[in-house]
Amino acid sequence: MPRLHTALCIAASFFFLTAAVAADKPNLTGTWKMNPAKSDLGSNVIKSRVDNIEHQEPQLKITTTQDDENGKNTVVRDYVTDGRQMTHTILGGERKSSAHWDGNVLVIETKVTNGDYTIRDRWVLADDHKSIRIDREFSNDQGGNARHIALEKQ
């Protein structure tokens, strides 16, 4: 009987520890619309952007509908926030991405194989949970640049 009690205590501790760790991560679920006035897009022309996010840690699905220089398009990306690499095809090009948490900041790193550059996004949910700021860094052999996208909850 003592072994069963010990095993149950260990299992319960593991369950509560797992729940506590997941609780520290913000839930990004919702519909988020880009605010161009608060975004720094550089030379990119994005007329509109809406992200629909389904987030049940560690599963993350981001459906982005964007109107830009390529026209209006919708891209669906699935991630697992444990750093596992996922492959996506966007506008005919293959991208390999991984997502992980850095504290309460979601970091998504993407290698664009046909453009030979890397995108590093840091998604920060505001304290009031009404906006997300995506700090985006592009880098390649010649250097890099940084931009940010401001999303507001709808």
Protein backbone atom coordinates (compact mmCIF):
# COMPACT_ATOMS: atom_id res chain seq x y z
CA MET A 1 0.00 0.00 0.00
CA PRO A 2 2.79 2.55 0.73
CA ARG A 3 4.20 2.04 -2.79
CA LEU A 4 0.82 2.79 -4.34
CA HIS A 5 0.51 5.91 -2.19
CA THR A 6 4.01 7.05 -3.23
CA ALA A 7 3.26 6.41 -6.91
CA LEU A 8 0.00 8.37 -6.68
CA CYS A 9 1.77 11.28 -4.97
CA ILE A 10 4.44 11.37 -7.68
CA ALA A 11 1.83 11.24 -10.45
CA ALA A 12 -0.22 14.02 -8.84
CA SER A 13 2.90 16.18 -8.38
CA PHE A 14 3.85 15.69 -12.04
CA PHE A 15 0.30 16.62 -13.15
CA PHE A 16 0.24 19.83 -11.10
CA LEU A 17 3.78 20.78 -12.14
CA THR A 18 2.85 20.33 -15.83
CA ALA A 19 -0.30 22.41 -15.36
CA ALA A 20 1.66 25.16 -13.58
CA VAL A 21 4.26 25.35 -16.36
CA ALA A 22 1.53 25.56 -19.05
CA ALA A 23 -0.27 28.24 -17.02
CA ASP A 24 2.82 30.50 -17.21
CA LYS A 25 2.54 30.66 -21.00
CA PRO A 26 0.11 33.21 -22.43
CA ASN A 27 -2.76 31.87 -24.50
CA LEU A 28 -2.76 33.63 -27.88
CA THR A 29 -6.14 32.29 -29.04
CA GLY A 30 -8.26 34.84 -30.87
CA THR A 31 -8.63 36.98 -33.96
CA TRP A 32 -5.93 39.63 -34.28
CA LYS A 33 -5.91 42.48 -36.80
CA MET A 34 -2.81 44.42 -37.82
CA ASN A 35 -2.71 48.10 -36.87
CA PRO A 36 -0.58 49.68 -39.65
CA ALA A 37 -0.12 52.93 -37.71
CA LYS A 38 1.62 51.06 -34.87
CA SER A 39 3.61 48.74 -37.15
CA ASP A 40 7.03 49.28 -38.75
CA LEU A 41 6.91 47.31 -42.00
CA GLY A 42 9.93 48.88 -43.70
CA SER A 43 9.60 48.65 -47.48
CA ASN A 44 6.99 45.85 -47.25
CA VAL A 45 3.56 46.89 -48.41
CA ILE A 46 0.96 45.13 -46.31
CA LYS A 47 -2.49 46.64 -46.85
CA SER A 48 -4.17 44.42 -44.28
CA ARG A 49 -3.46 41.39 -42.12
CA VAL A 50 -5.65 39.28 -39.86
CA ASP A 51 -4.34 36.37 -37.80
CA ASN A 52 -6.74 33.75 -36.44
CA ILE A 53 -4.92 31.85 -33.71
CA GLU A 54 -5.94 28.57 -32.12
CA HIS A 55 -3.68 27.89 -29.15
CA GLN A 56 -3.91 24.95 -26.82
CA GLU A 57 -0.43 24.58 -25.39
CA PRO A 58 1.72 23.10 -26.88
CA GLN A 59 -0.33 23.10 -30.12
CA LEU A 60 -0.44 26.40 -32.03
CA LYS A 61 -2.23 27.05 -35.32
CA ILE A 62 -1.92 30.47 -36.99
CA THR A 63 -4.06 31.27 -40.02
CA THR A 64 -2.94 34.56 -41.57
CA THR A 65 -4.93 36.36 -44.24
CA GLN A 66 -2.88 39.16 -45.73
CA ASP A 67 -3.25 41.62 -48.60
CA ASP A 68 0.20 42.67 -49.83
CA GLU A 69 2.32 43.00 -52.98
CA ASN A 70 1.52 39.32 -53.76
CA GLY A 71 -2.23 39.99 -53.60
CA LYS A 72 -4.60 38.60 -51.00
CA ASN A 73 -3.52 35.24 -49.64
CA THR A 74 -4.17 32.97 -46.69
CA VAL A 75 -1.46 30.90 -45.05
CA VAL A 76 -1.98 28.25 -42.36
CA ARG A 77 0.93 27.33 -40.11
CA ASP A 78 0.91 24.65 -37.42
CA TYR A 79 3.52 24.67 -34.67
CA VAL A 80 4.33 22.75 -31.54
CA THR A 81 5.93 25.05 -28.96
CA ASP A 82 8.52 22.51 -27.84
CA GLY A 83 11.05 23.57 -30.49
CA ARG A 84 10.19 20.76 -32.89
CA GLN A 85 10.84 21.66 -36.54
CA MET A 86 7.80 21.95 -38.84
CA THR A 87 7.78 22.40 -42.62
CA HIS A 88 5.43 24.84 -44.37
CA THR A 89 4.96 25.80 -48.00
CA ILE A 90 4.23 29.52 -48.38
CA LEU A 91 3.84 31.19 -51.77
CA GLY A 92 5.45 28.17 -53.41
CA GLY A 93 8.54 28.20 -51.20
CA GLU A 94 9.49 25.75 -48.48
CA ARG A 95 10.09 27.02 -44.96
CA LYS A 96 11.31 25.15 -41.93
CA SER A 97 10.14 26.62 -38.64
CA SER A 98 10.36 25.91 -34.95
CA ALA A 99 8.55 27.56 -32.06
CA HIS A 100 9.53 27.72 -28.40
CA TRP A 101 8.95 29.87 -25.34
CA ASP A 102 11.52 32.28 -23.96
CA GLY A 103 9.80 33.04 -20.67
CA ASN A 104 6.39 34.37 -21.71
CA VAL A 105 7.59 35.38 -25.21
CA LEU A 106 6.83 33.06 -28.12
CA VAL A 107 9.84 32.73 -30.43
CA ILE A 108 9.31 31.40 -33.96
CA GLU A 109 12.42 30.85 -36.08
CA THR A 110 11.96 30.20 -39.80
CA LYS A 111 14.53 29.26 -42.44
CA VAL A 112 13.37 30.21 -45.94
CA THR A 113 15.15 27.75 -48.21
CA ASN A 114 14.44 29.33 -51.60
CA GLY A 115 15.44 32.80 -50.40
CA ASP A 116 18.32 31.67 -48.20
CA TYR A 117 17.39 33.85 -45.25
CA THR A 118 16.09 33.43 -41.72
CA ILE A 119 13.16 35.11 -39.98
CA ARG A 120 13.10 35.30 -36.18
CA ASP A 121 9.79 36.45 -34.67
CA ARG A 122 9.24 37.27 -31.01
CA TRP A 123 5.51 37.40 -30.16
CA VAL A 124 4.80 39.45 -27.03
CA LEU A 125 1.28 39.57 -25.60
CA ALA A 126 0.53 42.87 -23.84
CA ASP A 127 -0.30 42.78 -20.13
CA ASP A 128 -3.93 43.70 -20.89
CA HIS A 129 -4.15 40.82 -23.43
CA LYS A 130 -5.53 43.21 -26.08
CA SER A 131 -2.52 43.41 -28.38
CA ILE A 132 0.45 41.44 -29.63
CA ARG A 133 3.71 42.91 -30.83
CA ILE A 134 5.71 40.76 -33.25
CA ASP A 135 9.36 41.82 -33.32
CA ARG A 136 10.70 40.41 -36.59
CA GLU A 137 14.35 40.05 -37.56
CA PHE A 138 15.44 39.07 -41.07
CA SER A 139 18.99 37.83 -41.54
CA ASN A 140 21.20 36.37 -44.26
CA ASP A 141 24.89 36.34 -45.18
CA GLN A 142 24.83 40.08 -45.96
CA GLY A 143 23.35 41.10 -42.60
CA GLY A 144 19.83 41.74 -41.44
CA ASN A 145 17.10 44.16 -40.53
CA ALA A 146 14.34 44.43 -37.98
CA ARG A 147 10.65 45.27 -38.21
CA HIS A 148 7.63 44.97 -35.96
CA ILE A 149 3.96 44.21 -36.48
CA ALA A 150 1.28 45.40 -34.08
CA LEU A 151 -1.80 43.17 -33.82
CA GLU A 152 -4.97 44.12 -31.93
CA LYS A 153 -7.52 41.67 -30.59
CA GLN A 154 -10.89 41.77 -32.33
